[in-house]
Amino acid sequence: MEYEFRRNSLDGAVMACFSMEHEVMGRWFGEELGDDKAAIGAVLEAISKIAAGSLREWHRSGREFSLDLDTEQARVYANVLGYDNQDELDEGMALYDAELEASCGLEDFEAALKSWLGFLSDSR
């Protein structure tokens, strides 16, 4: 999993760009976490508890995207994937899940999250 972090020079907004299979993670980092260090700390704490065995899984719902953590992986997905009436959509209008969901190993996710936190601290 490859990624790059940037800060928009016009408005100072933070952005995360992840490799093609993990694009949605970049959106989650930028749109759901942003520069909220308390939220980042909460996710890192959950990962730590999972690694220590005191927590088996953890969930965080956001405005557009959600995060699920378990002992093996992190999964980021668009909340729209929970839409139960997809069969009511016209043919050709089905939701394309590949751009709305991605998973990676918990250790890789933790490394990316720590890099994000470092980027936020260095780019001020």
PDB file of N, CA and C in Angstrom:
ATOM      1  N   MET A   1       0.858  -1.172   0.000  1.00  0.00           N
ATOM      2  CA  MET A   1       0.000   0.000   0.000  1.00  0.00           C
ATOM      3  C   MET A   1       0.903   1.234   0.000  1.00  0.00           C
ATOM      4  N   GLU A   2       0.724   2.056  -1.004  1.00  0.00           N
ATOM      5  CA  GLU A   2       1.503   3.288  -1.118  1.00  0.00           C
ATOM      6  C   GLU A   2       0.601   4.479  -0.853  1.00  0.00           C
ATOM      7  N   TYR A   3       1.192   5.531  -0.276  1.00  0.00           N
ATOM      8  CA  TYR A   3       0.417   6.734   0.008  1.00  0.00           C
ATOM      9  C   TYR A   3       1.326   7.957   0.046  1.00  0.00           C
ATOM     10  N   GLU A   4       0.687   9.092  -0.115  1.00  0.00           N
ATOM     11  CA  GLU A   4       1.374  10.381  -0.071  1.00  0.00           C
ATOM     12  C   GLU A   4       0.428  11.388   0.565  1.00  0.00           C
ATOM     13  N   PHE A   5       0.977  12.247   1.394  1.00  0.00           N
ATOM     14  CA  PHE A   5       0.169  13.255   2.079  1.00  0.00           C
ATOM     15  C   PHE A   5       0.553  14.633   1.568  1.00  0.00           C
ATOM     16  N   ARG A   6      -0.458  15.494   1.446  1.00  0.00           N
ATOM     17  CA  ARG A   6      -0.247  16.863   0.948  1.00  0.00           C
ATOM     18  C   ARG A   6      -1.121  17.836   1.709  1.00  0.00           C
ATOM     19  N   ARG A   7      -0.706  19.091   1.662  1.00  0.00           N
ATOM     20  CA  ARG A   7      -1.521  20.171   2.201  1.00  0.00           C
ATOM     21  C   ARG A   7      -1.777  21.137   1.045  1.00  0.00           C
ATOM     22  N   ASN A   8      -3.044  21.458   0.796  1.00  0.00           N
ATOM     23  CA  ASN A   8      -3.433  22.373  -0.266  1.00  0.00           C
ATOM     24  C   ASN A   8      -2.878  23.762   0.045  1.00  0.00           C
ATOM     25  N   SER A   9      -2.135  24.322  -0.884  1.00  0.00           N
ATOM     26  CA  SER A   9      -1.506  25.626  -0.655  1.00  0.00           C
ATOM     27  C   SER A   9      -2.520  26.772  -0.646  1.00  0.00           C
ATOM     28  N   LEU A  10      -3.689  26.567  -1.230  1.00  0.00           N
ATOM     29  CA  LEU A  10      -4.685  27.634  -1.273  1.00  0.00           C
ATOM     30  C   LEU A  10      -5.463  27.768   0.030  1.00  0.00           C
ATOM     31  N   ASP A  11      -5.970  26.647   0.529  1.00  0.00           N
ATOM     32  CA  ASP A  11      -6.810  26.728   1.732  1.00  0.00           C
ATOM     33  C   ASP A  11      -6.236  25.972   2.932  1.00  0.00           C
ATOM     34  N   GLY A  12      -5.098  25.309   2.760  1.00  0.00           N
ATOM     35  CA  GLY A  12      -4.463  24.602   3.859  1.00  0.00           C
ATOM     36  C   GLY A  12      -5.080  23.256   4.189  1.00  0.00           C
ATOM     37  N   ALA A  13      -6.055  22.810   3.391  1.00  0.00           N
ATOM     38  CA  ALA A  13      -6.708  21.519   3.640  1.00  0.00           C
ATOM     39  C   ALA A  13      -5.709  20.376   3.447  1.00  0.00           C
ATOM     40  N   VAL A  14      -5.812  19.367   4.290  1.00  0.00           N
ATOM     41  CA  VAL A  14      -4.936  18.212   4.184  1.00  0.00           C
ATOM     42  C   VAL A  14      -5.566  17.158   3.290  1.00  0.00           C
ATOM     43  N   MET A  15      -4.713  16.458   2.532  1.00  0.00           N
ATOM     44  CA  MET A  15      -5.175  15.430   1.608  1.00  0.00           C
ATOM     45  C   MET A  15      -4.266  14.225   1.705  1.00  0.00           C
ATOM     46  N   ALA A  16      -4.836  13.064   1.569  1.00  0.00           N
ATOM     47  CA  ALA A  16      -4.083  11.815   1.539  1.00  0.00           C
ATOM     48  C   ALA A  16      -4.398  11.108   0.226  1.00  0.00           C
ATOM     49  N   CYS A  17      -3.369  10.725  -0.489  1.00  0.00           N
ATOM     50  CA  CYS A  17      -3.541   9.997  -1.747  1.00  0.00           C
ATOM     51  C   CYS A  17      -2.971   8.595  -1.557  1.00  0.00           C
ATOM     52  N   PHE A  18      -3.820   7.590  -1.696  1.00  0.00           N
ATOM     53  CA  PHE A  18      -3.417   6.195  -1.538  1.00  0.00           C
ATOM     54  C   PHE A  18      -3.423   5.501  -2.891  1.00  0.00           C
ATOM     55  N   SER A  19      -2.709   4.389  -2.997  1.00  0.00           N
ATOM     56  CA  SER A  19      -2.652   3.625  -4.231  1.00  0.00           C
ATOM     57  C   SER A  19      -4.057   3.207  -4.668  1.00  0.00           C
ATOM     58  N   MET A  20      -4.170   2.847  -5.936  1.00  0.00           N
ATOM     59  CA  MET A  20      -5.470   2.633  -6.556  1.00  0.00           C
ATOM     60  C   MET A  20      -6.399   1.717  -5.761  1.00  0.00           C
ATOM     61  N   GLU A  21      -5.926   0.605  -5.242  1.00  0.00           N
ATOM     62  CA  GLU A  21      -6.808  -0.315  -4.536  1.00  0.00           C
ATOM     63  C   GLU A  21      -7.256   0.227  -3.177  1.00  0.00           C
ATOM     64  N   HIS A  22      -6.611   1.293  -2.716  1.00  0.00           N
ATOM     65  CA  HIS A  22      -6.871   1.830  -1.383  1.00  0.00           C
ATOM     66  C   HIS A  22      -7.302   3.296  -1.408  1.00  0.00           C
ATOM     67  N   GLU A  23      -7.805   3.761  -2.537  1.00  0.00           N
ATOM     68  CA  GLU A  23      -8.174   5.168  -2.693  1.00  0.00           C
ATOM     69  C   GLU A  23      -9.123   5.661  -1.607  1.00  0.00           C
ATOM     70  N   VAL A  24     -10.070   4.851  -1.232  1.00  0.00           N
ATOM     71  CA  VAL A  24     -11.064   5.254  -0.249  1.00  0.00           C
ATOM     72  C   VAL A  24     -10.406   5.549   1.098  1.00  0.00           C
ATOM     73  N   MET A  25      -9.282   4.918   1.384  1.00  0.00           N
ATOM     74  CA  MET A  25      -8.580   5.224   2.632  1.00  0.00           C
ATOM     75  C   MET A  25      -8.060   6.654   2.625  1.00  0.00           C
ATOM     76  N   GLY A  26      -7.605   7.112   1.480  1.00  0.00           N
ATOM     77  CA  GLY A  26      -7.161   8.497   1.365  1.00  0.00           C
ATOM     78  C   GLY A  26      -8.293   9.461   1.640  1.00  0.00           C
ATOM     79  N   ARG A  27      -9.444   9.148   1.130  1.00  0.00           N
ATOM     80  CA  ARG A  27     -10.611  10.003   1.396  1.00  0.00           C
ATOM     81  C   ARG A  27     -10.975   9.971   2.868  1.00  0.00           C
ATOM     82  N   TRP A  28     -10.888   8.781   3.493  1.00  0.00           N
ATOM     83  CA  TRP A  28     -11.202   8.676   4.919  1.00  0.00           C
ATOM     84  C   TRP A  28     -10.214   9.489   5.751  1.00  0.00           C
ATOM     85  N   PHE A  29      -8.924   9.375   5.438  1.00  0.00           N
ATOM     86  CA  PHE A  29      -7.913  10.143   6.170  1.00  0.00           C
ATOM     87  C   PHE A  29      -8.194  11.640   6.046  1.00  0.00           C
ATOM     88  N   GLY A  30      -8.419  12.108   4.825  1.00  0.00           N
ATOM     89  CA  GLY A  30      -8.601  13.536   4.594  1.00  0.00           C
ATOM     90  C   GLY A  30      -9.945  14.082   5.045  1.00  0.00           C
ATOM     91  N   GLU A  31     -11.017  13.341   4.759  1.00  0.00           N
ATOM     92  CA  GLU A  31     -12.360  13.860   5.018  1.00  0.00           C
ATOM     93  C   GLU A  31     -12.893  13.530   6.404  1.00  0.00           C
ATOM     94  N   GLU A  32     -12.584  12.361   6.914  1.00  0.00           N
ATOM     95  CA  GLU A  32     -13.130  11.964   8.219  1.00  0.00           C
ATOM     96  C   GLU A  32     -12.187  12.317   9.372  1.00  0.00           C
ATOM     97  N   LEU A  33     -10.885  12.109   9.176  1.00  0.00           N
ATOM     98  CA  LEU A  33      -9.929  12.454  10.225  1.00  0.00           C
ATOM     99  C   LEU A  33      -9.451  13.889  10.109  1.00  0.00           C
ATOM    100  N   GLY A  34      -9.058  14.275   8.904  1.00  0.00           N
ATOM    101  CA  GLY A  34      -8.503  15.606   8.713  1.00  0.00           C
ATOM    102  C   GLY A  34      -7.326  15.817   9.652  1.00  0.00           C
ATOM    103  N   ASP A  35      -7.288  16.966  10.293  1.00  0.00           N
ATOM    104  CA  ASP A  35      -6.189  17.236  11.225  1.00  0.00           C
ATOM    105  C   ASP A  35      -6.635  17.117  12.684  1.00  0.00           C
ATOM    106  N   ASP A  36      -7.684  16.327  12.922  1.00  0.00           N
ATOM    107  CA  ASP A  36      -8.216  16.100  14.265  1.00  0.00           C
ATOM    108  C   ASP A  36      -7.348  15.074  15.001  1.00  0.00           C
ATOM    109  N   LYS A  37      -6.377  15.582  15.752  1.00  0.00           N
ATOM    110  CA  LYS A  37      -5.430  14.699  16.431  1.00  0.00           C
ATOM    111  C   LYS A  37      -6.097  13.856  17.516  1.00  0.00           C
ATOM    112  N   ALA A  38      -7.175  14.341  18.109  1.00  0.00           N
ATOM    113  CA  ALA A  38      -7.902  13.541  19.106  1.00  0.00           C
ATOM    114  C   ALA A  38      -8.531  12.315  18.441  1.00  0.00           C
ATOM    115  N   ALA A  39      -9.098  12.491  17.255  1.00  0.00           N
ATOM    116  CA  ALA A  39      -9.694  11.367  16.527  1.00  0.00           C
ATOM    117  C   ALA A  39      -8.613  10.372  16.116  1.00  0.00           C
ATOM    118  N   ILE A  40      -7.483  10.878  15.672  1.00  0.00           N
ATOM    119  CA  ILE A  40      -6.369  10.006  15.297  1.00  0.00           C
ATOM    120  C   ILE A  40      -5.903   9.222  16.523  1.00  0.00           C
ATOM    121  N   GLY A  41      -5.796   9.909  17.661  1.00  0.00           N
ATOM    122  CA  GLY A  41      -5.395   9.260  18.901  1.00  0.00           C
ATOM    123  C   GLY A  41      -6.359   8.165  19.317  1.00  0.00           C
ATOM    124  N   ALA A  42      -7.649   8.392  19.112  1.00  0.00           N
ATOM    125  CA  ALA A  42      -8.657   7.384  19.465  1.00  0.00           C
ATOM    126  C   ALA A  42      -8.494   6.127  18.612  1.00  0.00           C
ATOM    127  N   VAL A  43      -8.204   6.297  17.328  1.00  0.00           N
ATOM    128  CA  VAL A  43      -8.004   5.143  16.448  1.00  0.00           C
ATOM    129  C   VAL A  43      -6.728   4.410  16.839  1.00  0.00           C
ATOM    130  N   LEU A  44      -5.658   5.153  17.095  1.00  0.00           N
ATOM    131  CA  LEU A  44      -4.404   4.525  17.512  1.00  0.00           C
ATOM    132  C   LEU A  44      -4.566   3.777  18.839  1.00  0.00           C
ATOM    133  N   GLU A  45      -5.352   4.331  19.742  1.00  0.00           N
ATOM    134  CA  GLU A  45      -5.609   3.664  21.020  1.00  0.00           C
ATOM    135  C   GLU A  45      -6.370   2.358  20.802  1.00  0.00           C
ATOM    136  N   ALA A  46      -7.348   2.379  19.908  1.00  0.00           N
ATOM    137  CA  ALA A  46      -8.103   1.158  19.603  1.00  0.00           C
ATOM    138  C   ALA A  46      -7.187   0.103  19.002  1.00  0.00           C
ATOM    139  N   ILE A  47      -6.294   0.508  18.106  1.00  0.00           N
ATOM    140  CA  ILE A  47      -5.345  -0.437  17.504  1.00  0.00           C
ATOM    141  C   ILE A  47      -4.451  -1.039  18.589  1.00  0.00           C
ATOM    142  N   SER A  48      -4.010  -0.201  19.501  1.00  0.00           N
ATOM    143  CA  SER A  48      -3.164  -0.660  20.602  1.00  0.00           C
ATOM    144  C   SER A  48      -3.887  -1.686  21.476  1.00  0.00           C
ATOM    145  N   LYS A  49      -5.149  -1.428  21.774  1.00  0.00           N
ATOM    146  CA  LYS A  49      -5.943  -2.358  22.579  1.00  0.00           C
ATOM    147  C   LYS A  49      -6.187  -3.669  21.840  1.00  0.00           C
ATOM    148  N   ILE A  50      -6.399  -3.594  20.546  1.00  0.00           N
ATOM    149  CA  ILE A  50      -6.579  -4.803  19.750  1.00  0.00           C
ATOM    150  C   ILE A  50      -5.288  -5.612  19.753  1.00  0.00           C
ATOM    151  N   ALA A  51      -4.155  -4.938  19.567  1.00  0.00           N
ATOM    152  CA  ALA A  51      -2.859  -5.629  19.558  1.00  0.00           C
ATOM    153  C   ALA A  51      -2.554  -6.264  20.912  1.00  0.00           C
ATOM    154  N   ALA A  52      -2.999  -5.632  21.994  1.00  0.00           N
ATOM    155  CA  ALA A  52      -2.764  -6.160  23.342  1.00  0.00           C
ATOM    156  C   ALA A  52      -3.747  -7.266  23.711  1.00  0.00           C
ATOM    157  N   GLY A  53      -4.779  -7.452  22.918  1.00  0.00           N
ATOM    158  CA  GLY A  53      -5.754  -8.499  23.174  1.00  0.00           C
ATOM    159  C   GLY A  53      -6.894  -8.087  24.096  1.00  0.00           C
ATOM    160  N   SER A  54      -6.952  -6.815  24.471  1.00  0.00           N
ATOM    161  CA  SER A  54      -8.039  -6.383  25.353  1.00  0.00           C
ATOM    162  C   SER A  54      -9.273  -5.929  24.574  1.00  0.00           C
ATOM    163  N   LEU A  55      -9.168  -5.909  23.253  1.00  0.00           N
ATOM    164  CA  LEU A  55     -10.280  -5.527  22.385  1.00  0.00           C
ATOM    165  C   LEU A  55     -10.194  -6.399  21.142  1.00  0.00           C
ATOM    166  N   ARG A  56     -11.325  -6.929  20.701  1.00  0.00           N
ATOM    167  CA  ARG A  56     -11.320  -7.802  19.515  1.00  0.00           C
ATOM    168  C   ARG A  56     -11.625  -7.042  18.234  1.00  0.00           C
ATOM    169  N   GLU A  57     -12.515  -6.075  18.327  1.00  0.00           N
ATOM    170  CA  GLU A  57     -12.874  -5.278  17.150  1.00  0.00           C
ATOM    171  C   GLU A  57     -13.318  -3.897  17.595  1.00  0.00           C
ATOM    172  N   TRP A  58     -13.341  -2.970  16.624  1.00  0.00           N
ATOM    173  CA  TRP A  58     -13.668  -1.583  16.927  1.00  0.00           C
ATOM    174  C   TRP A  58     -14.273  -0.951  15.677  1.00  0.00           C
ATOM    175  N   HIS A  59     -15.203  -0.047  15.876  1.00  0.00           N
ATOM    176  CA  HIS A  59     -15.903   0.600  14.754  1.00  0.00           C
ATOM    177  C   HIS A  59     -15.974   2.100  14.982  1.00  0.00           C
ATOM    178  N   ARG A  60     -15.790   2.861  13.933  1.00  0.00           N
ATOM    179  CA  ARG A  60     -15.961   4.312  13.983  1.00  0.00           C
ATOM    180  C   ARG A  60     -16.777   4.733  12.761  1.00  0.00           C
ATOM    181  N   SER A  61     -17.935   5.327  13.010  1.00  0.00           N
ATOM    182  CA  SER A  61     -18.783   5.836  11.924  1.00  0.00           C
ATOM    183  C   SER A  61     -18.455   7.294  11.679  1.00  0.00           C
ATOM    184  N   GLY A  62     -18.419   7.660  10.406  1.00  0.00           N
ATOM    185  CA  GLY A  62     -18.177   9.043  10.037  1.00  0.00           C
ATOM    186  C   GLY A  62     -19.324   9.579   9.206  1.00  0.00           C
ATOM    187  N   ARG A  63     -19.163  10.787   8.720  1.00  0.00           N
ATOM    188  CA  ARG A  63     -20.201  11.411   7.899  1.00  0.00           C
ATOM    189  C   ARG A  63     -20.410  10.650   6.590  1.00  0.00           C
ATOM    190  N   GLU A  64     -19.310  10.332   5.911  1.00  0.00           N
ATOM    191  CA  GLU A  64     -19.386   9.656   4.610  1.00  0.00           C
ATOM    192  C   GLU A  64     -18.804   8.247   4.632  1.00  0.00           C
ATOM    193  N   PHE A  65     -17.818   8.034   5.515  1.00  0.00           N
ATOM    194  CA  PHE A  65     -17.092   6.768   5.546  1.00  0.00           C
ATOM    195  C   PHE A  65     -17.010   6.232   6.965  1.00  0.00           C
ATOM    196  N   SER A  66     -16.872   4.918   7.071  1.00  0.00           N
ATOM    197  CA  SER A  66     -16.716   4.268   8.367  1.00  0.00           C
ATOM    198  C   SER A  66     -15.461   3.412   8.363  1.00  0.00           C
ATOM    199  N   LEU A  67     -15.001   3.081   9.565  1.00  0.00           N
ATOM    200  CA  LEU A  67     -13.804   2.267   9.760  1.00  0.00           C
ATOM    201  C   LEU A  67     -14.147   1.101  10.673  1.00  0.00           C
ATOM    202  N   ASP A  68     -13.745  -0.095  10.268  1.00  0.00           N
ATOM    203  CA  ASP A  68     -13.839  -1.280  11.112  1.00  0.00           C
ATOM    204  C   ASP A  68     -12.432  -1.813  11.315  1.00  0.00           C
ATOM    205  N   LEU A  69     -12.103  -2.103  12.568  1.00  0.00           N
ATOM    206  CA  LEU A  69     -10.817  -2.715  12.900  1.00  0.00           C
ATOM    207  C   LEU A  69     -11.080  -4.051  13.564  1.00  0.00           C
ATOM    208  N   ASP A  70     -10.246  -5.044  13.260  1.00  0.00           N
ATOM    209  CA  ASP A  70     -10.267  -6.290  14.009  1.00  0.00           C
ATOM    210  C   ASP A  70      -8.829  -6.749  14.179  1.00  0.00           C
ATOM    211  N   THR A  71      -8.628  -7.940  14.670  1.00  0.00           N
ATOM    212  CA  THR A  71      -7.281  -8.395  14.997  1.00  0.00           C
ATOM    213  C   THR A  71      -6.372  -8.543  13.777  1.00  0.00           C
ATOM    214  N   GLU A  72      -6.939  -8.593  12.594  1.00  0.00           N
ATOM    215  CA  GLU A  72      -6.139  -8.798  11.393  1.00  0.00           C
ATOM    216  C   GLU A  72      -6.122  -7.631  10.426  1.00  0.00           C
ATOM    217  N   GLN A  73      -7.203  -6.864  10.361  1.00  0.00           N
ATOM    218  CA  GLN A  73      -7.274  -5.865   9.294  1.00  0.00           C
ATOM    219  C   GLN A  73      -8.026  -4.610   9.690  1.00  0.00           C
ATOM    220  N   ALA A  74      -7.831  -3.602   8.845  1.00  0.00           N
ATOM    221  CA  ALA A  74      -8.600  -2.366   8.908  1.00  0.00           C
ATOM    222  C   ALA A  74      -9.415  -2.298   7.621  1.00  0.00           C
ATOM    223  N   ARG A  75     -10.667  -1.925   7.745  1.00  0.00           N
ATOM    224  CA  ARG A  75     -11.554  -1.822   6.578  1.00  0.00           C
ATOM    225  C   ARG A  75     -12.209  -0.453   6.598  1.00  0.00           C
ATOM    226  N   VAL A  76     -12.035   0.294   5.518  1.00  0.00           N
ATOM    227  CA  VAL A  76     -12.681   1.592   5.346  1.00  0.00           C
ATOM    228  C   VAL A  76     -13.704   1.430   4.236  1.00  0.00           C
ATOM    229  N   TYR A  77     -14.908   1.956   4.470  1.00  0.00           N
ATOM    230  CA  TYR A  77     -15.945   1.816   3.465  1.00  0.00           C
ATOM    231  C   TYR A  77     -16.904   3.002   3.518  1.00  0.00           C
ATOM    232  N   ALA A  78     -17.482   3.279   2.368  1.00  0.00           N
ATOM    233  CA  ALA A  78     -18.463   4.357   2.264  1.00  0.00           C
ATOM    234  C   ALA A  78     -19.753   3.917   2.943  1.00  0.00           C
ATOM    235  N   ASN A  79     -20.346   4.809   3.685  1.00  0.00           N
ATOM    236  CA  ASN A  79     -21.601   4.488   4.380  1.00  0.00           C
ATOM    237  C   ASN A  79     -22.706   4.121   3.403  1.00  0.00           C
ATOM    238  N   VAL A  80     -22.631   4.578   2.173  1.00  0.00           N
ATOM    239  CA  VAL A  80     -23.645   4.279   1.176  1.00  0.00           C
ATOM    240  C   VAL A  80     -23.688   2.784   0.859  1.00  0.00           C
ATOM    241  N   LEU A  81     -22.623   2.055   1.187  1.00  0.00           N
ATOM    242  CA  LEU A  81     -22.625   0.606   0.943  1.00  0.00           C
ATOM    243  C   LEU A  81     -23.651  -0.103   1.803  1.00  0.00           C
ATOM    244  N   GLY A  82     -24.123   0.540   2.841  1.00  0.00           N
ATOM    245  CA  GLY A  82     -25.152  -0.035   3.684  1.00  0.00           C
ATOM    246  C   GLY A  82     -26.546   0.119   3.113  1.00  0.00           C
ATOM    247  N   TYR A  83     -26.660   0.728   1.954  1.00  0.00           N
ATOM    248  CA  TYR A  83     -27.945   0.944   1.301  1.00  0.00           C
ATOM    249  C   TYR A  83     -28.573  -0.394   0.951  1.00  0.00           C
ATOM    250  N   ASP A  84     -29.694  -0.696   1.568  1.00  0.00           N
ATOM    251  CA  ASP A  84     -30.308  -2.012   1.433  1.00  0.00           C
ATOM    252  C   ASP A  84     -31.128  -2.209   0.166  1.00  0.00           C
ATOM    253  N   ASN A  85     -31.499  -1.145  -0.494  1.00  0.00           N
ATOM    254  CA  ASN A  85     -32.406  -1.265  -1.638  1.00  0.00           C
ATOM    255  C   ASN A  85     -31.684  -1.133  -2.969  1.00  0.00           C
ATOM    256  N   GLN A  86     -30.487  -1.711  -3.069  1.00  0.00           N
ATOM    257  CA  GLN A  86     -29.728  -1.599  -4.310  1.00  0.00           C
ATOM    258  C   GLN A  86     -30.450  -2.267  -5.475  1.00  0.00           C
ATOM    259  N   ASP A  87     -31.305  -3.246  -5.192  1.00  0.00           N
ATOM    260  CA  ASP A  87     -32.025  -3.898  -6.279  1.00  0.00           C
ATOM    261  C   ASP A  87     -33.085  -2.983  -6.869  1.00  0.00           C
ATOM    262  N   GLU A  88     -33.405  -1.874  -6.191  1.00  0.00           N
ATOM    263  CA  GLU A  88     -34.359  -0.911  -6.725  1.00  0.00           C
ATOM    264  C   GLU A  88     -33.710   0.062  -7.708  1.00  0.00           C
ATOM    265  N   LEU A  89     -32.370   0.057  -7.763  1.00  0.00           N
ATOM    266  CA  LEU A  89     -31.672   0.954  -8.674  1.00  0.00           C
ATOM    267  C   LEU A  89     -31.838   0.459 -10.112  1.00  0.00           C
ATOM    268  N   ASP A  90     -31.873   1.396 -11.055  1.00  0.00           N
ATOM    269  CA  ASP A  90     -31.956   1.034 -12.462  1.00  0.00           C
ATOM    270  C   ASP A  90     -30.706   0.271 -12.870  1.00  0.00           C
ATOM    271  N   GLU A  91     -30.871  -0.572 -13.902  1.00  0.00           N
ATOM    272  CA  GLU A  91     -29.729  -1.318 -14.407  1.00  0.00           C
ATOM    273  C   GLU A  91     -28.632  -0.339 -14.825  1.00  0.00           C
ATOM    274  N   GLY A  92     -27.397  -0.649 -14.502  1.00  0.00           N
ATOM    275  CA  GLY A  92     -26.293   0.243 -14.824  1.00  0.00           C
ATOM    276  C   GLY A  92     -26.045   1.298 -13.757  1.00  0.00           C
ATOM    277  N   MET A  93     -26.934   1.379 -12.774  1.00  0.00           N
ATOM    278  CA  MET A  93     -26.788   2.377 -11.724  1.00  0.00           C
ATOM    279  C   MET A  93     -26.312   1.747 -10.416  1.00  0.00           C
ATOM    280  N   ALA A  94     -25.964   0.458 -10.447  1.00  0.00           N
ATOM    281  CA  ALA A  94     -25.490  -0.210  -9.233  1.00  0.00           C
ATOM    282  C   ALA A  94     -24.238   0.481  -8.726  1.00  0.00           C
ATOM    283  N   LEU A  95     -24.063   0.485  -7.435  1.00  0.00           N
ATOM    284  CA  LEU A  95     -22.922   1.141  -6.826  1.00  0.00           C
ATOM    285  C   LEU A  95     -21.646   0.346  -7.097  1.00  0.00           C
ATOM    286  N   TYR A  96     -20.605   1.049  -7.463  1.00  0.00           N
ATOM    287  CA  TYR A  96     -19.328   0.423  -7.758  1.00  0.00           C
ATOM    288  C   TYR A  96     -18.532   0.342  -6.461  1.00  0.00           C
ATOM    289  N   ASP A  97     -18.525  -0.822  -5.845  1.00  0.00           N
ATOM    290  CA  ASP A  97     -17.953  -0.999  -4.520  1.00  0.00           C
ATOM    291  C   ASP A  97     -16.440  -0.832  -4.470  1.00  0.00           C
ATOM    292  N   ALA A  98     -15.724  -1.124  -5.543  1.00  0.00           N
ATOM    293  CA  ALA A  98     -14.267  -1.113  -5.494  1.00  0.00           C
ATOM    294  C   ALA A  98     -13.701   0.254  -5.103  1.00  0.00           C
ATOM    295  N   GLU A  99     -14.346   1.330  -5.475  1.00  0.00           N
ATOM    296  CA  GLU A  99     -13.868   2.666  -5.120  1.00  0.00           C
ATOM    297  C   GLU A  99     -14.437   3.131  -3.790  1.00  0.00           C
ATOM    298  N   LEU A 100     -15.278   2.327  -3.185  1.00  0.00           N
ATOM    299  CA  LEU A 100     -15.947   2.723  -1.955  1.00  0.00           C
ATOM    300  C   LEU A 100     -15.542   1.884  -0.753  1.00  0.00           C
ATOM    301  N   GLU A 101     -14.646   0.927  -0.953  1.00  0.00           N
ATOM    302  CA  GLU A 101     -14.266   0.027   0.130  1.00  0.00           C
ATOM    303  C   GLU A 101     -12.836  -0.457  -0.079  1.00  0.00           C
ATOM    304  N   ALA A 102     -12.067  -0.522   1.008  1.00  0.00           N
ATOM    305  CA  ALA A 102     -10.704  -1.047   0.936  1.00  0.00           C
ATOM    306  C   ALA A 102     -10.326  -1.622   2.293  1.00  0.00           C
ATOM    307  N   SER A 103      -9.458  -2.626   2.253  1.00  0.00           N
ATOM    308  CA  SER A 103      -8.950  -3.249   3.474  1.00  0.00           C
ATOM    309  C   SER A 103      -7.439  -3.361   3.373  1.00  0.00           C
ATOM    310  N   CYS A 104      -6.804  -3.400   4.533  1.00  0.00           N
ATOM    311  CA  CYS A 104      -5.375  -3.657   4.590  1.00  0.00           C
ATOM    312  C   CYS A 104      -5.070  -4.257   5.954  1.00  0.00           C
ATOM    313  N   GLY A 105      -3.865  -4.749   6.126  1.00  0.00           N
ATOM    314  CA  GLY A 105      -3.458  -5.310   7.401  1.00  0.00           C
ATOM    315  C   GLY A 105      -3.456  -4.242   8.483  1.00  0.00           C
ATOM    316  N   LEU A 106      -3.735  -4.657   9.693  1.00  0.00           N
ATOM    317  CA  LEU A 106      -3.814  -3.715  10.810  1.00  0.00           C
ATOM    318  C   LEU A 106      -2.486  -2.997  11.033  1.00  0.00           C
ATOM    319  N   GLU A 107      -1.367  -3.704  10.898  1.00  0.00           N
ATOM    320  CA  GLU A 107      -0.056  -3.080  11.090  1.00  0.00           C
ATOM    321  C   GLU A 107       0.222  -2.036  10.018  1.00  0.00           C
ATOM    322  N   ASP A 108      -0.132  -2.328   8.767  1.00  0.00           N
ATOM    323  CA  ASP A 108       0.053  -1.358   7.683  1.00  0.00           C
ATOM    324  C   ASP A 108      -0.811  -0.119   7.916  1.00  0.00           C
ATOM    325  N   PHE A 109      -2.025  -0.337   8.368  1.00  0.00           N
ATOM    326  CA  PHE A 109      -2.922   0.778   8.640  1.00  0.00           C
ATOM    327  C   PHE A 109      -2.374   1.649   9.768  1.00  0.00           C
ATOM    328  N   GLU A 110      -1.865   1.003  10.810  1.00  0.00           N
ATOM    329  CA  GLU A 110      -1.288   1.742  11.934  1.00  0.00           C
ATOM    330  C   GLU A 110      -0.088   2.567  11.473  1.00  0.00           C
ATOM    331  N   ALA A 111       0.754   1.987  10.631  1.00  0.00           N
ATOM    332  CA  ALA A 111       1.917   2.720  10.106  1.00  0.00           C
ATOM    333  C   ALA A 111       1.480   3.939   9.298  1.00  0.00           C
ATOM    334  N   ALA A 112       0.455   3.776   8.466  1.00  0.00           N
ATOM    335  CA  ALA A 112      -0.058   4.899   7.679  1.00  0.00           C
ATOM    336  C   ALA A 112      -0.634   5.977   8.586  1.00  0.00           C
ATOM    337  N   LEU A 113      -1.345   5.561   9.616  1.00  0.00           N
ATOM    338  CA  LEU A 113      -1.948   6.509  10.557  1.00  0.00           C
ATOM    339  C   LEU A 113      -0.871   7.295  11.310  1.00  0.00           C
ATOM    340  N   LYS A 114       0.178   6.618  11.726  1.00  0.00           N
ATOM    341  CA  LYS A 114       1.286   7.304  12.405  1.00  0.00           C
ATOM    342  C   LYS A 114       2.008   8.253  11.453  1.00  0.00           C
ATOM    343  N   SER A 115       2.141   7.856  10.193  1.00  0.00           N
ATOM    344  CA  SER A 115       2.735   8.747   9.194  1.00  0.00           C
ATOM    345  C   SER A 115       1.864   9.984   8.992  1.00  0.00           C
ATOM    346  N   TRP A 116       0.552   9.794   8.962  1.00  0.00           N
ATOM    347  CA  TRP A 116      -0.393  10.897   8.832  1.00  0.00           C
ATOM    348  C   TRP A 116      -0.230  11.875   9.995  1.00  0.00           C
ATOM    349  N   LEU A 117      -0.129  11.336  11.197  1.00  0.00           N
ATOM    350  CA  LEU A 117       0.046  12.166  12.390  1.00  0.00           C
ATOM    351  C   LEU A 117       1.370  12.930  12.314  1.00  0.00           C
ATOM    352  N   GLY A 118       2.417  12.276  11.876  1.00  0.00           N
ATOM    353  CA  GLY A 118       3.711  12.947  11.693  1.00  0.00           C
ATOM    354  C   GLY A 118       3.633  14.035  10.639  1.00  0.00           C
ATOM    355  N   PHE A 119       2.940  13.762   9.554  1.00  0.00           N
ATOM    356  CA  PHE A 119       2.760  14.758   8.496  1.00  0.00           C
ATOM    357  C   PHE A 119       2.042  15.992   9.034  1.00  0.00           C
ATOM    358  N   LEU A 120       1.005  15.785   9.815  1.00  0.00           N
ATOM    359  CA  LEU A 120       0.244  16.913  10.373  1.00  0.00           C
ATOM    360  C   LEU A 120       1.117  17.751  11.283  1.00  0.00           C
ATOM    361  N   SER A 121       1.965  17.109  12.058  1.00  0.00           N
ATOM    362  CA  SER A 121       2.838  17.830  12.985  1.00  0.00           C
ATOM    363  C   SER A 121       3.918  18.586  12.225  1.00  0.00           C
ATOM    364  N   ASP A 122       4.441  18.005  11.138  1.00  0.00           N
ATOM    365  CA  ASP A 122       5.531  18.629  10.379  1.00  0.00           C
ATOM    366  C   ASP A 122       5.062  19.710   9.418  1.00  0.00           C
ATOM    367  N   SER A 123       3.811  19.667   9.001  1.00  0.00           N
ATOM    368  CA  SER A 123       3.374  20.552   7.915  1.00  0.00           C
ATOM    369  C   SER A 123       2.679  21.826   8.405  1.00  0.00           C
ATOM    370  N   ARG A 124       2.700  22.087   9.650  1.00  0.00           N
ATOM    371  CA  ARG A 124       2.043  23.301  10.178  1.00  0.00           C
ATOM    372  C   ARG A 124       2.831  24.513   9.905  1.00  0.00           C
TER     373      ARG A 124
END
